[in-house]
Amino acid sequence: RNVASAIWLKIEHSIPRQACGTRDTACIRIAAMFSMRLFGNPAFKNAVTCSVDAQQTRNAASLKTLKARMRSFNNMKKITKSMKMVAASKLKKDEQRMIVALPFVRPVQELFARLPREDKPGTTIYFGVTSDKGLCGGVNSAVAKMCRRGIAADEAAGNSAKYMGIGAKGSAALKRFYGDRFTTVFEECAKVPWTFGAASIIAEKVIAANPSKMKVCSNKFRSLVAYETQAAQVVTLNEAMTMDRAEFSKAMDVYSFEPSIYEVWNDLHEFYYATVIHGLYLEGAVSEQSSRMAAMESASKNANEMLEKVSLVYNRARQAKITTELCEIISGASAV
């Protein structure tokens, strides 16, 4: 027994420290070999065999876990690639609708942009244009953040503020702290192709609310890799009615109206609401799809990197298991 203990200590100090469990396992195997040669103790041999079997079981479990993680990352990469392709298809359609609609939207916006603006106290309606789905970067959160800051600034100045909007993501981001400011929210608008008729229905709800002031927070499309979040001030019917007539006529006299502008002003203003909502929604939809493409591309790249890292760990563990089994075979043959 004393000789066996001395052999054990000698072996333990002669083997360098390696990965967790490797040094102890090697010591047990070598000590078993010397013990069998010196004493022929079958109980010690059985204990060593159980220890080695437990080590192999742990290695097998870790390999199984790594393989499941590899399968998970591979499936994630397939999903993100598919979502990128779907977003590219939707982007092409939305961009085509935007290109067709903007030549009709911008002249009306430029007409009302000529009217003078006055900062008067009153209730301001913040109209947020967001989407119903996520996984598109910071498109929706940027609009919600701008609406939240605007509401907080107006209320700090002593004015009241309300919220109207399109999209479930905007209302979900603001509902917790500003749920009592909500008036009307339009959701699931993207289930059918967006048309000017849908914008006209929303414009009717805005007219029924009769806002004193109104700001539309949305994303303005710049390119496939860039967009700009803005809060566009909209000329409301109340602002136009309280505007100075001389300034109003000076701004509108460059255009000819038949019949006179005062007779068609209400209809023209309703058309103005619809065109603003229509144009900004289309630009927001294109910005959403382009941002989703970029987000899914980044997610696919990250999933591929994680798959490579886990594959490297898996291959190392598998090679270590094979090496361990070879060492056991060689040790067993030497012991016999």
C-alpha atoms as a PDB file:
ATOM      1  CA  ARG A   1       0.000   0.000   0.000  1.00  0.00           C
ATOM      2  CA  ASN A   2       2.832   2.394   0.824  1.00  0.00           C
ATOM      3  CA  VAL A   3       4.565   1.537  -2.433  1.00  0.00           C
ATOM      4  CA  ALA A   4       1.327   2.247  -4.362  1.00  0.00           C
ATOM      5  CA  SER A   5       0.945   5.633  -2.631  1.00  0.00           C
ATOM      6  CA  ALA A   6       4.504   6.556  -3.507  1.00  0.00           C
ATOM      7  CA  ILE A   7       3.910   5.583  -7.132  1.00  0.00           C
ATOM      8  CA  TRP A   8       0.749   7.724  -7.190  1.00  0.00           C
ATOM      9  CA  LEU A   9       2.530  10.826  -5.859  1.00  0.00           C
ATOM     10  CA  LYS A  10       5.415  10.347  -8.268  1.00  0.00           C
ATOM     11  CA  ILE A  11       3.068  10.049 -11.241  1.00  0.00           C
ATOM     12  CA  GLU A  12       0.937  13.038 -10.159  1.00  0.00           C
ATOM     13  CA  HIS A  13       3.903  15.416  -9.943  1.00  0.00           C
ATOM     14  CA  SER A  14       5.414  14.187 -13.204  1.00  0.00           C
ATOM     15  CA  ILE A  15       2.361  14.961 -15.389  1.00  0.00           C
ATOM     16  CA  PRO A  16       1.826  18.672 -16.343  1.00  0.00           C
ATOM     17  CA  ARG A  17      -1.451  20.483 -15.645  1.00  0.00           C
ATOM     18  CA  GLN A  18      -3.739  20.359 -18.717  1.00  0.00           C
ATOM     19  CA  ALA A  19      -7.487  20.771 -19.289  1.00  0.00           C
ATOM     20  CA  CYS A  20      -9.884  20.152 -16.429  1.00  0.00           C
ATOM     21  CA  GLY A  21      -9.931  16.432 -15.549  1.00  0.00           C
ATOM     22  CA  THR A  22      -7.192  15.335 -17.996  1.00  0.00           C
ATOM     23  CA  ARG A  23      -4.355  15.177 -15.454  1.00  0.00           C
ATOM     24  CA  ASP A  24      -6.384  13.236 -12.857  1.00  0.00           C
ATOM     25  CA  THR A  25      -7.605  10.765 -15.481  1.00  0.00           C
ATOM     26  CA  ALA A  26      -4.075  10.158 -16.747  1.00  0.00           C
ATOM     27  CA  CYS A  27      -2.820   9.621 -13.178  1.00  0.00           C
ATOM     28  CA  ILE A  28      -5.583   7.117 -12.469  1.00  0.00           C
ATOM     29  CA  ARG A  29      -4.872   5.156 -15.631  1.00  0.00           C
ATOM     30  CA  ILE A  30      -1.099   4.970 -15.102  1.00  0.00           C
ATOM     31  CA  ALA A  31      -1.509   4.143 -11.405  1.00  0.00           C
ATOM     32  CA  ALA A  32      -3.954   1.389 -12.354  1.00  0.00           C
ATOM     33  CA  MET A  33      -1.458  -0.100 -14.756  1.00  0.00           C
ATOM     34  CA  PHE A  34       1.337  -0.170 -12.119  1.00  0.00           C
ATOM     35  CA  SER A  35      -1.050  -1.410  -9.436  1.00  0.00           C
ATOM     36  CA  MET A  36      -2.199  -4.298 -11.603  1.00  0.00           C
ATOM     37  CA  ARG A  37       1.388  -5.259 -12.337  1.00  0.00           C
ATOM     38  CA  LEU A  38       2.489  -5.006  -8.676  1.00  0.00           C
ATOM     39  CA  PHE A  39      -0.550  -6.233  -6.731  1.00  0.00           C
ATOM     40  CA  GLY A  40      -3.106  -7.485  -9.249  1.00  0.00           C
ATOM     41  CA  ASN A  41      -5.937  -5.728  -7.340  1.00  0.00           C
ATOM     42  CA  PRO A  42      -9.235  -6.204  -9.303  1.00  0.00           C
ATOM     43  CA  ALA A  43     -11.204  -3.768  -7.033  1.00  0.00           C
ATOM     44  CA  PHE A  44      -8.890  -0.910  -7.942  1.00  0.00           C
ATOM     45  CA  LYS A  45      -9.200  -1.869 -11.608  1.00  0.00           C
ATOM     46  CA  ASN A  46     -13.013  -1.691 -11.406  1.00  0.00           C
ATOM     47  CA  ALA A  47     -12.882   1.749  -9.747  1.00  0.00           C
ATOM     48  CA  VAL A  48     -10.615   3.072 -12.479  1.00  0.00           C
ATOM     49  CA  THR A  49     -12.887   1.663 -15.176  1.00  0.00           C
ATOM     50  CA  CYS A  50     -15.950   3.365 -13.633  1.00  0.00           C
ATOM     51  CA  SER A  51     -14.106   6.706 -13.477  1.00  0.00           C
ATOM     52  CA  VAL A  52     -13.071   6.488 -17.129  1.00  0.00           C
ATOM     53  CA  ASP A  53     -16.608   5.516 -18.190  1.00  0.00           C
ATOM     54  CA  ALA A  54     -18.024   8.552 -16.338  1.00  0.00           C
ATOM     55  CA  GLN A  55     -15.519  10.809 -18.090  1.00  0.00           C
ATOM     56  CA  GLN A  56     -16.555   9.397 -21.472  1.00  0.00           C
ATOM     57  CA  THR A  57     -20.230   9.901 -20.617  1.00  0.00           C
ATOM     58  CA  ARG A  58     -19.586  13.572 -19.806  1.00  0.00           C
ATOM     59  CA  ASN A  59     -17.716  14.027 -23.095  1.00  0.00           C
ATOM     60  CA  ALA A  60     -20.557  12.418 -25.015  1.00  0.00           C
ATOM     61  CA  ALA A  61     -23.099  14.721 -23.333  1.00  0.00           C
ATOM     62  CA  SER A  62     -21.070  17.821 -24.137  1.00  0.00           C
ATOM     63  CA  LEU A  63     -20.691  16.712 -27.767  1.00  0.00           C
ATOM     64  CA  LYS A  64     -24.433  16.168 -27.998  1.00  0.00           C
ATOM     65  CA  THR A  65     -25.081  19.664 -26.615  1.00  0.00           C
ATOM     66  CA  LEU A  66     -22.627  21.244 -29.036  1.00  0.00           C
ATOM     67  CA  LYS A  67     -24.198  19.411 -31.951  1.00  0.00           C
ATOM     68  CA  ALA A  68     -27.649  20.678 -30.936  1.00  0.00           C
ATOM     69  CA  ARG A  69     -26.301  24.232 -30.776  1.00  0.00           C
ATOM     70  CA  MET A  70     -24.742  23.838 -34.218  1.00  0.00           C
ATOM     71  CA  ARG A  71     -28.071  22.672 -35.599  1.00  0.00           C
ATOM     72  CA  SER A  72     -29.812  25.632 -33.945  1.00  0.00           C
ATOM     73  CA  PHE A  73     -27.404  28.187 -35.418  1.00  0.00           C
ATOM     74  CA  ASN A  74     -27.687  26.588 -38.838  1.00  0.00           C
ATOM     75  CA  ASN A  75     -31.501  26.797 -38.728  1.00  0.00           C
ATOM     76  CA  MET A  76     -31.290  30.408 -37.571  1.00  0.00           C
ATOM     77  CA  LYS A  77     -29.046  31.264 -40.510  1.00  0.00           C
ATOM     78  CA  LYS A  78     -31.527  29.700 -42.937  1.00  0.00           C
ATOM     79  CA  ILE A  79     -34.427  31.666 -41.420  1.00  0.00           C
ATOM     80  CA  THR A  80     -32.624  35.019 -41.549  1.00  0.00           C
ATOM     81  CA  LYS A  81     -31.564  34.444 -45.150  1.00  0.00           C
ATOM     82  CA  SER A  82     -35.165  33.650 -46.100  1.00  0.00           C
ATOM     83  CA  MET A  83     -36.420  36.771 -44.320  1.00  0.00           C
ATOM     84  CA  LYS A  84     -33.862  38.867 -46.188  1.00  0.00           C
ATOM     85  CA  MET A  85     -35.109  37.507 -49.510  1.00  0.00           C
ATOM     86  CA  VAL A  86     -38.738  38.217 -48.573  1.00  0.00           C
ATOM     87  CA  ALA A  87     -37.826  41.761 -47.501  1.00  0.00           C
ATOM     88  CA  ALA A  88     -36.019  42.316 -50.813  1.00  0.00           C
ATOM     89  CA  SER A  89     -39.130  41.239 -52.716  1.00  0.00           C
ATOM     90  CA  LYS A  90     -41.396  43.543 -50.685  1.00  0.00           C
ATOM     91  CA  LEU A  91     -38.906  46.380 -50.989  1.00  0.00           C
ATOM     92  CA  LYS A  92     -39.081  46.268 -54.772  1.00  0.00           C
ATOM     93  CA  LYS A  93     -42.889  46.524 -54.747  1.00  0.00           C
ATOM     94  CA  ASP A  94     -43.025  49.276 -52.110  1.00  0.00           C
ATOM     95  CA  GLU A  95     -40.334  51.273 -53.866  1.00  0.00           C
ATOM     96  CA  GLN A  96     -42.253  51.080 -57.142  1.00  0.00           C
ATOM     97  CA  ARG A  97     -45.425  52.364 -55.439  1.00  0.00           C
ATOM     98  CA  MET A  98     -43.436  55.170 -53.813  1.00  0.00           C
ATOM     99  CA  ILE A  99     -41.875  56.234 -57.131  1.00  0.00           C
ATOM    100  CA  VAL A 100     -45.308  56.369 -58.762  1.00  0.00           C
ATOM    101  CA  ALA A 101     -46.957  58.292 -55.889  1.00  0.00           C
ATOM    102  CA  LEU A 102     -44.343  60.934 -54.995  1.00  0.00           C
ATOM    103  CA  PRO A 103     -44.807  63.089 -58.152  1.00  0.00           C
ATOM    104  CA  PHE A 104     -48.444  63.610 -57.086  1.00  0.00           C
ATOM    105  CA  VAL A 105     -47.696  64.061 -53.381  1.00  0.00           C
ATOM    106  CA  ARG A 106     -44.878  66.596 -53.458  1.00  0.00           C
ATOM    107  CA  PRO A 107     -46.651  69.407 -55.378  1.00  0.00           C
ATOM    108  CA  VAL A 108     -49.460  69.428 -52.802  1.00  0.00           C
ATOM    109  CA  GLN A 109     -46.964  69.486 -49.940  1.00  0.00           C
ATOM    110  CA  GLU A 110     -45.046  72.328 -51.572  1.00  0.00           C
ATOM    111  CA  LEU A 111     -48.284  74.302 -52.013  1.00  0.00           C
ATOM    112  CA  PHE A 112     -49.130  74.174 -48.310  1.00  0.00           C
ATOM    113  CA  ALA A 113     -45.495  74.696 -47.327  1.00  0.00           C
ATOM    114  CA  ARG A 114     -45.819  78.245 -48.706  1.00  0.00           C
ATOM    115  CA  LEU A 115     -48.299  79.184 -45.987  1.00  0.00           C
ATOM    116  CA  PRO A 116     -46.864  81.133 -43.018  1.00  0.00           C
ATOM    117  CA  ARG A 117     -46.441  79.284 -39.735  1.00  0.00           C
ATOM    118  CA  GLU A 118     -47.213  80.643 -36.274  1.00  0.00           C
ATOM    119  CA  ASP A 119     -46.486  78.950 -32.984  1.00  0.00           C
ATOM    120  CA  LYS A 120     -49.751  79.268 -31.049  1.00  0.00           C
ATOM    121  CA  PRO A 121     -50.780  77.476 -27.856  1.00  0.00           C
ATOM    122  CA  GLY A 122     -53.142  74.565 -28.245  1.00  0.00           C
ATOM    123  CA  THR A 123     -53.448  70.811 -28.380  1.00  0.00           C
ATOM    124  CA  THR A 124     -50.917  69.126 -30.638  1.00  0.00           C
ATOM    125  CA  ILE A 125     -51.602  65.758 -32.227  1.00  0.00           C
ATOM    126  CA  TYR A 126     -48.532  63.631 -32.897  1.00  0.00           C
ATOM    127  CA  PHE A 127     -49.187  61.248 -35.771  1.00  0.00           C
ATOM    128  CA  GLY A 128     -46.688  58.358 -35.754  1.00  0.00           C
ATOM    129  CA  VAL A 129     -46.120  56.266 -38.879  1.00  0.00           C
ATOM    130  CA  THR A 130     -44.705  52.861 -37.850  1.00  0.00           C
ATOM    131  CA  SER A 131     -45.084  49.228 -38.891  1.00  0.00           C
ATOM    132  CA  ASP A 132     -46.885  46.229 -37.426  1.00  0.00           C
ATOM    133  CA  LYS A 133     -43.820  43.957 -37.435  1.00  0.00           C
ATOM    134  CA  GLY A 134     -40.389  44.199 -35.893  1.00  0.00           C
ATOM    135  CA  LEU A 135     -36.955  42.781 -36.770  1.00  0.00           C
ATOM    136  CA  CYS A 136     -36.194  45.880 -38.822  1.00  0.00           C
ATOM    137  CA  GLY A 137     -33.541  47.683 -36.808  1.00  0.00           C
ATOM    138  CA  GLY A 138     -34.367  50.983 -35.136  1.00  0.00           C
ATOM    139  CA  VAL A 139     -37.013  52.168 -37.625  1.00  0.00           C
ATOM    140  CA  ASN A 140     -39.997  51.964 -35.271  1.00  0.00           C
ATOM    141  CA  SER A 141     -38.160  52.853 -32.076  1.00  0.00           C
ATOM    142  CA  ALA A 142     -36.817  56.072 -33.641  1.00  0.00           C
ATOM    143  CA  VAL A 143     -40.350  57.241 -34.528  1.00  0.00           C
ATOM    144  CA  ALA A 144     -41.687  56.312 -31.082  1.00  0.00           C
ATOM    145  CA  LYS A 145     -38.791  58.127 -29.423  1.00  0.00           C
ATOM    146  CA  MET A 146     -39.472  61.295 -31.425  1.00  0.00           C
ATOM    147  CA  CYS A 147     -43.179  61.200 -30.524  1.00  0.00           C
ATOM    148  CA  ARG A 148     -42.365  60.628 -26.859  1.00  0.00           C
ATOM    149  CA  ARG A 149     -39.958  63.560 -26.761  1.00  0.00           C
ATOM    150  CA  GLY A 150     -42.437  65.825 -28.536  1.00  0.00           C
ATOM    151  CA  ILE A 151     -45.266  64.981 -26.148  1.00  0.00           C
ATOM    152  CA  ALA A 152     -43.023  65.521 -23.136  1.00  0.00           C
ATOM    153  CA  ALA A 153     -41.787  68.874 -24.483  1.00  0.00           C
ATOM    154  CA  ASP A 154     -45.304  70.177 -25.184  1.00  0.00           C
ATOM    155  CA  GLU A 155     -46.600  69.131 -21.790  1.00  0.00           C
ATOM    156  CA  ALA A 156     -43.597  70.725 -20.100  1.00  0.00           C
ATOM    157  CA  ALA A 157     -44.464  73.971 -21.898  1.00  0.00           C
ATOM    158  CA  GLY A 158     -48.040  73.841 -20.553  1.00  0.00           C
ATOM    159  CA  ASN A 159     -49.755  72.556 -23.724  1.00  0.00           C
ATOM    160  CA  SER A 160     -51.681  69.315 -24.095  1.00  0.00           C
ATOM    161  CA  ALA A 161     -50.731  66.600 -26.581  1.00  0.00           C
ATOM    162  CA  LYS A 162     -52.491  63.610 -28.125  1.00  0.00           C
ATOM    163  CA  TYR A 163     -51.337  60.661 -30.181  1.00  0.00           C
ATOM    164  CA  MET A 164     -52.683  59.180 -33.389  1.00  0.00           C
ATOM    165  CA  GLY A 165     -50.795  56.746 -35.537  1.00  0.00           C
ATOM    166  CA  ILE A 166     -50.396  53.852 -37.919  1.00  0.00           C
ATOM    167  CA  GLY A 167     -48.812  50.579 -36.841  1.00  0.00           C
ATOM    168  CA  ALA A 168     -48.798  48.388 -33.762  1.00  0.00           C
ATOM    169  CA  LYS A 169     -45.145  48.967 -32.899  1.00  0.00           C
ATOM    170  CA  GLY A 170     -45.602  52.668 -32.290  1.00  0.00           C
ATOM    171  CA  SER A 171     -48.581  52.195 -30.011  1.00  0.00           C
ATOM    172  CA  ALA A 172     -46.830  49.369 -28.123  1.00  0.00           C
ATOM    173  CA  ALA A 173     -43.829  51.600 -27.429  1.00  0.00           C
ATOM    174  CA  LEU A 174     -45.926  54.526 -26.161  1.00  0.00           C
ATOM    175  CA  LYS A 175     -48.837  52.754 -24.485  1.00  0.00           C
ATOM    176  CA  ARG A 176     -47.119  52.217 -21.157  1.00  0.00           C
ATOM    177  CA  PHE A 177     -46.477  55.872 -20.281  1.00  0.00           C
ATOM    178  CA  TYR A 178     -48.774  57.758 -22.682  1.00  0.00           C
ATOM    179  CA  GLY A 179     -51.747  55.425 -23.026  1.00  0.00           C
ATOM    180  CA  ASP A 180     -54.197  58.092 -21.863  1.00  0.00           C
ATOM    181  CA  ARG A 181     -53.133  60.398 -24.747  1.00  0.00           C
ATOM    182  CA  PHE A 182     -54.203  57.944 -27.456  1.00  0.00           C
ATOM    183  CA  THR A 183     -57.116  58.890 -29.700  1.00  0.00           C
ATOM    184  CA  THR A 184     -57.018  56.588 -32.745  1.00  0.00           C
ATOM    185  CA  VAL A 185     -54.507  53.945 -33.860  1.00  0.00           C
ATOM    186  CA  PHE A 186     -54.691  52.086 -37.194  1.00  0.00           C
ATOM    187  CA  GLU A 187     -53.150  48.604 -37.161  1.00  0.00           C
ATOM    188  CA  GLU A 188     -52.643  45.801 -39.700  1.00  0.00           C
ATOM    189  CA  CYS A 189     -52.595  48.224 -42.613  1.00  0.00           C
ATOM    190  CA  ALA A 190     -49.854  46.187 -44.319  1.00  0.00           C
ATOM    191  CA  LYS A 191     -52.041  43.093 -44.740  1.00  0.00           C
ATOM    192  CA  VAL A 192     -53.340  44.528 -48.011  1.00  0.00           C
ATOM    193  CA  PRO A 193     -51.442  46.678 -50.544  1.00  0.00           C
ATOM    194  CA  TRP A 194     -51.399  50.322 -49.478  1.00  0.00           C
ATOM    195  CA  THR A 195     -53.554  52.631 -51.604  1.00  0.00           C
ATOM    196  CA  PHE A 196     -54.642  56.275 -51.618  1.00  0.00           C
ATOM    197  CA  GLY A 197     -58.102  55.106 -50.530  1.00  0.00           C
ATOM    198  CA  ALA A 198     -56.683  53.815 -47.239  1.00  0.00           C
ATOM    199  CA  ALA A 199     -54.923  57.147 -46.724  1.00  0.00           C
ATOM    200  CA  SER A 200     -58.224  58.968 -47.390  1.00  0.00           C
ATOM    201  CA  ILE A 201     -60.002  56.922 -44.703  1.00  0.00           C
ATOM    202  CA  ILE A 202     -57.317  57.831 -42.173  1.00  0.00           C
ATOM    203  CA  ALA A 203     -57.516  61.480 -43.285  1.00  0.00           C
ATOM    204  CA  GLU A 204     -61.233  61.495 -42.498  1.00  0.00           C
ATOM    205  CA  LYS A 205     -60.456  60.401 -38.934  1.00  0.00           C
ATOM    206  CA  VAL A 206     -57.898  63.201 -38.641  1.00  0.00           C
ATOM    207  CA  ILE A 207     -60.458  65.761 -39.853  1.00  0.00           C
ATOM    208  CA  ALA A 208     -62.995  64.418 -37.344  1.00  0.00           C
ATOM    209  CA  ALA A 209     -60.445  64.963 -34.552  1.00  0.00           C
ATOM    210  CA  ASN A 210     -60.088  68.617 -35.700  1.00  0.00           C
ATOM    211  CA  PRO A 211     -56.556  69.178 -34.321  1.00  0.00           C
ATOM    212  CA  SER A 212     -55.260  72.633 -33.490  1.00  0.00           C
ATOM    213  CA  LYS A 213     -51.709  71.602 -34.420  1.00  0.00           C
ATOM    214  CA  MET A 214     -50.372  68.436 -35.927  1.00  0.00           C
ATOM    215  CA  LYS A 215     -46.945  66.859 -36.429  1.00  0.00           C
ATOM    216  CA  VAL A 216     -46.341  63.685 -38.417  1.00  0.00           C
ATOM    217  CA  CYS A 217     -43.370  61.628 -37.168  1.00  0.00           C
ATOM    218  CA  SER A 218     -42.082  59.213 -39.785  1.00  0.00           C
ATOM    219  CA  ASN A 219     -38.982  57.921 -41.561  1.00  0.00           C
ATOM    220  CA  LYS A 220     -37.979  59.689 -44.762  1.00  0.00           C
ATOM    221  CA  PHE A 221     -36.348  57.377 -47.285  1.00  0.00           C
ATOM    222  CA  ARG A 222     -32.863  58.449 -48.418  1.00  0.00           C
ATOM    223  CA  SER A 223     -31.287  55.314 -49.883  1.00  0.00           C
ATOM    224  CA  LEU A 224     -31.215  51.578 -49.360  1.00  0.00           C
ATOM    225  CA  VAL A 225     -28.787  52.021 -46.469  1.00  0.00           C
ATOM    226  CA  ALA A 226     -29.994  55.314 -44.965  1.00  0.00           C
ATOM    227  CA  TYR A 227     -33.194  56.941 -43.743  1.00  0.00           C
ATOM    228  CA  GLU A 228     -34.007  60.050 -41.721  1.00  0.00           C
ATOM    229  CA  THR A 229     -36.499  60.253 -38.883  1.00  0.00           C
ATOM    230  CA  GLN A 230     -38.377  63.548 -39.028  1.00  0.00           C
ATOM    231  CA  ALA A 231     -41.317  65.340 -37.454  1.00  0.00           C
ATOM    232  CA  ALA A 232     -43.092  67.189 -40.285  1.00  0.00           C
ATOM    233  CA  GLN A 233     -45.467  69.958 -39.240  1.00  0.00           C
ATOM    234  CA  VAL A 234     -48.807  69.787 -41.037  1.00  0.00           C
ATOM    235  CA  VAL A 235     -50.976  72.849 -41.644  1.00  0.00           C
ATOM    236  CA  THR A 236     -54.281  72.124 -39.926  1.00  0.00           C
ATOM    237  CA  LEU A 237     -57.659  73.572 -40.808  1.00  0.00           C
ATOM    238  CA  ASN A 238     -57.753  75.639 -37.609  1.00  0.00           C
ATOM    239  CA  GLU A 239     -54.366  77.177 -38.383  1.00  0.00           C
ATOM    240  CA  ALA A 240     -55.474  78.062 -41.895  1.00  0.00           C
ATOM    241  CA  MET A 241     -58.711  79.664 -40.667  1.00  0.00           C
ATOM    242  CA  THR A 242     -56.889  81.865 -38.130  1.00  0.00           C
ATOM    243  CA  MET A 243     -54.151  82.844 -40.565  1.00  0.00           C
ATOM    244  CA  ASP A 244     -53.702  86.419 -41.739  1.00  0.00           C
ATOM    245  CA  ARG A 245     -55.664  86.878 -44.990  1.00  0.00           C
ATOM    246  CA  ALA A 246     -53.032  89.038 -46.622  1.00  0.00           C
ATOM    247  CA  GLU A 247     -50.330  86.485 -45.979  1.00  0.00           C
ATOM    248  CA  PHE A 248     -52.652  83.693 -47.097  1.00  0.00           C
ATOM    249  CA  SER A 249     -53.481  85.418 -50.385  1.00  0.00           C
ATOM    250  CA  LYS A 250     -49.826  86.246 -51.001  1.00  0.00           C
ATOM    251  CA  ALA A 251     -48.888  82.589 -50.651  1.00  0.00           C
ATOM    252  CA  MET A 252     -51.732  81.294 -52.822  1.00  0.00           C
ATOM    253  CA  ASP A 253     -51.901  83.914 -55.588  1.00  0.00           C
ATOM    254  CA  VAL A 254     -49.162  82.153 -57.554  1.00  0.00           C
ATOM    255  CA  TYR A 255     -51.700  79.435 -58.359  1.00  0.00           C
ATOM    256  CA  SER A 256     -55.021  79.681 -60.217  1.00  0.00           C
ATOM    257  CA  PHE A 257     -58.083  78.041 -58.674  1.00  0.00           C
ATOM    258  CA  GLU A 258     -61.404  77.330 -60.347  1.00  0.00           C
ATOM    259  CA  PRO A 259     -63.725  77.964 -58.532  1.00  0.00           C
ATOM    260  CA  SER A 260     -62.102  80.281 -56.002  1.00  0.00           C
ATOM    261  CA  ILE A 261     -59.825  78.921 -53.331  1.00  0.00           C
ATOM    262  CA  TYR A 262     -62.211  79.883 -50.531  1.00  0.00           C
ATOM    263  CA  GLU A 263     -64.922  77.662 -52.037  1.00  0.00           C
ATOM    264  CA  VAL A 264     -62.716  74.588 -52.474  1.00  0.00           C
ATOM    265  CA  TRP A 265     -60.485  75.099 -49.444  1.00  0.00           C
ATOM    266  CA  ASN A 266     -62.075  72.419 -47.253  1.00  0.00           C
ATOM    267  CA  ASP A 267     -61.893  69.798 -50.003  1.00  0.00           C
ATOM    268  CA  LEU A 268     -58.337  70.826 -50.842  1.00  0.00           C
ATOM    269  CA  HIS A 269     -57.322  70.565 -47.209  1.00  0.00           C
ATOM    270  CA  GLU A 270     -58.797  67.082 -46.915  1.00  0.00           C
ATOM    271  CA  PHE A 271     -56.858  66.090 -50.030  1.00  0.00           C
ATOM    272  CA  TYR A 272     -53.738  67.578 -48.439  1.00  0.00           C
ATOM    273  CA  TYR A 273     -54.142  65.405 -45.328  1.00  0.00           C
ATOM    274  CA  ALA A 274     -54.546  62.286 -47.477  1.00  0.00           C
ATOM    275  CA  THR A 275     -51.519  63.037 -49.663  1.00  0.00           C
ATOM    276  CA  VAL A 276     -49.267  63.700 -46.662  1.00  0.00           C
ATOM    277  CA  ILE A 277     -50.267  60.422 -44.993  1.00  0.00           C
ATOM    278  CA  HIS A 278     -50.024  58.519 -48.279  1.00  0.00           C
ATOM    279  CA  GLY A 279     -46.548  59.766 -49.145  1.00  0.00           C
ATOM    280  CA  LEU A 280     -45.051  59.408 -45.666  1.00  0.00           C
ATOM    281  CA  TYR A 281     -46.449  55.911 -45.226  1.00  0.00           C
ATOM    282  CA  LEU A 282     -44.900  54.760 -48.511  1.00  0.00           C
ATOM    283  CA  GLU A 283     -41.522  56.245 -47.587  1.00  0.00           C
ATOM    284  CA  GLY A 284     -41.753  54.602 -44.160  1.00  0.00           C
ATOM    285  CA  ALA A 285     -42.593  51.220 -45.723  1.00  0.00           C
ATOM    286  CA  VAL A 286     -39.564  51.385 -48.039  1.00  0.00           C
ATOM    287  CA  SER A 287     -37.330  52.425 -45.122  1.00  0.00           C
ATOM    288  CA  GLU A 288     -38.694  49.523 -43.069  1.00  0.00           C
ATOM    289  CA  GLN A 289     -37.957  46.901 -45.731  1.00  0.00           C
ATOM    290  CA  SER A 290     -34.475  48.238 -46.468  1.00  0.00           C
ATOM    291  CA  SER A 291     -33.675  48.281 -42.747  1.00  0.00           C
ATOM    292  CA  ARG A 292     -35.039  44.740 -42.370  1.00  0.00           C
ATOM    293  CA  MET A 293     -32.766  43.567 -45.200  1.00  0.00           C
ATOM    294  CA  ALA A 294     -29.748  45.056 -43.438  1.00  0.00           C
ATOM    295  CA  ALA A 295     -30.803  43.596 -40.076  1.00  0.00           C
ATOM    296  CA  MET A 296     -31.313  40.098 -41.506  1.00  0.00           C
ATOM    297  CA  GLU A 297     -27.994  40.240 -43.338  1.00  0.00           C
ATOM    298  CA  SER A 298     -26.260  41.176 -40.087  1.00  0.00           C
ATOM    299  CA  ALA A 299     -28.122  38.402 -38.239  1.00  0.00           C
ATOM    300  CA  SER A 300     -27.068  35.842 -40.860  1.00  0.00           C
ATOM    301  CA  LYS A 301     -23.464  36.958 -40.560  1.00  0.00           C
ATOM    302  CA  ASN A 302     -23.555  36.687 -36.749  1.00  0.00           C
ATOM    303  CA  ALA A 303     -25.185  33.251 -36.912  1.00  0.00           C
ATOM    304  CA  ASN A 304     -22.486  32.071 -39.318  1.00  0.00           C
ATOM    305  CA  GLU A 305     -19.741  33.347 -36.997  1.00  0.00           C
ATOM    306  CA  MET A 306     -21.305  31.605 -33.998  1.00  0.00           C
ATOM    307  CA  LEU A 307     -21.661  28.397 -36.045  1.00  0.00           C
ATOM    308  CA  GLU A 308     -17.966  28.495 -36.934  1.00  0.00           C
ATOM    309  CA  LYS A 309     -16.967  29.015 -33.285  1.00  0.00           C
ATOM    310  CA  VAL A 310     -19.163  26.196 -31.995  1.00  0.00           C
ATOM    311  CA  SER A 311     -17.972  23.920 -34.813  1.00  0.00           C
ATOM    312  CA  LEU A 312     -14.380  24.558 -33.772  1.00  0.00           C
ATOM    313  CA  VAL A 313     -15.173  23.662 -30.143  1.00  0.00           C
ATOM    314  CA  TYR A 314     -17.081  20.571 -31.287  1.00  0.00           C
ATOM    315  CA  ASN A 315     -14.219  19.356 -33.477  1.00  0.00           C
ATOM    316  CA  ARG A 316     -11.716  19.872 -30.666  1.00  0.00           C
ATOM    317  CA  ALA A 317     -13.889  17.942 -28.213  1.00  0.00           C
ATOM    318  CA  ARG A 318     -14.427  15.140 -30.718  1.00  0.00           C
ATOM    319  CA  GLN A 319     -10.707  14.907 -31.415  1.00  0.00           C
ATOM    320  CA  ALA A 320      -9.982  14.855 -27.660  1.00  0.00           C
ATOM    321  CA  LYS A 321     -12.457  12.009 -27.229  1.00  0.00           C
ATOM    322  CA  ILE A 322     -10.807  10.004 -30.004  1.00  0.00           C
ATOM    323  CA  THR A 323      -7.362  10.626 -28.500  1.00  0.00           C
ATOM    324  CA  THR A 324      -8.609   9.521 -25.078  1.00  0.00           C
ATOM    325  CA  GLU A 325     -10.017   6.294 -26.483  1.00  0.00           C
ATOM    326  CA  LEU A 326      -6.739   5.564 -28.268  1.00  0.00           C
ATOM    327  CA  CYS A 327      -4.804   6.144 -25.022  1.00  0.00           C
ATOM    328  CA  GLU A 328      -7.127   3.735 -23.215  1.00  0.00           C
ATOM    329  CA  ILE A 329      -6.623   1.064 -25.859  1.00  0.00           C
ATOM    330  CA  ILE A 330      -2.837   1.469 -25.733  1.00  0.00           C
ATOM    331  CA  SER A 331      -2.807   1.441 -21.903  1.00  0.00           C
ATOM    332  CA  GLY A 332      -4.967  -1.674 -21.817  1.00  0.00           C
ATOM    333  CA  ALA A 333      -2.736  -3.469 -24.297  1.00  0.00           C
ATOM    334  CA  SER A 334       0.349  -2.523 -22.252  1.00  0.00           C
ATOM    335  CA  ALA A 335      -1.271  -3.728 -19.008  1.00  0.00           C
ATOM    336  CA  VAL A 336      -2.097  -7.125 -20.522  1.00  0.00           C
END
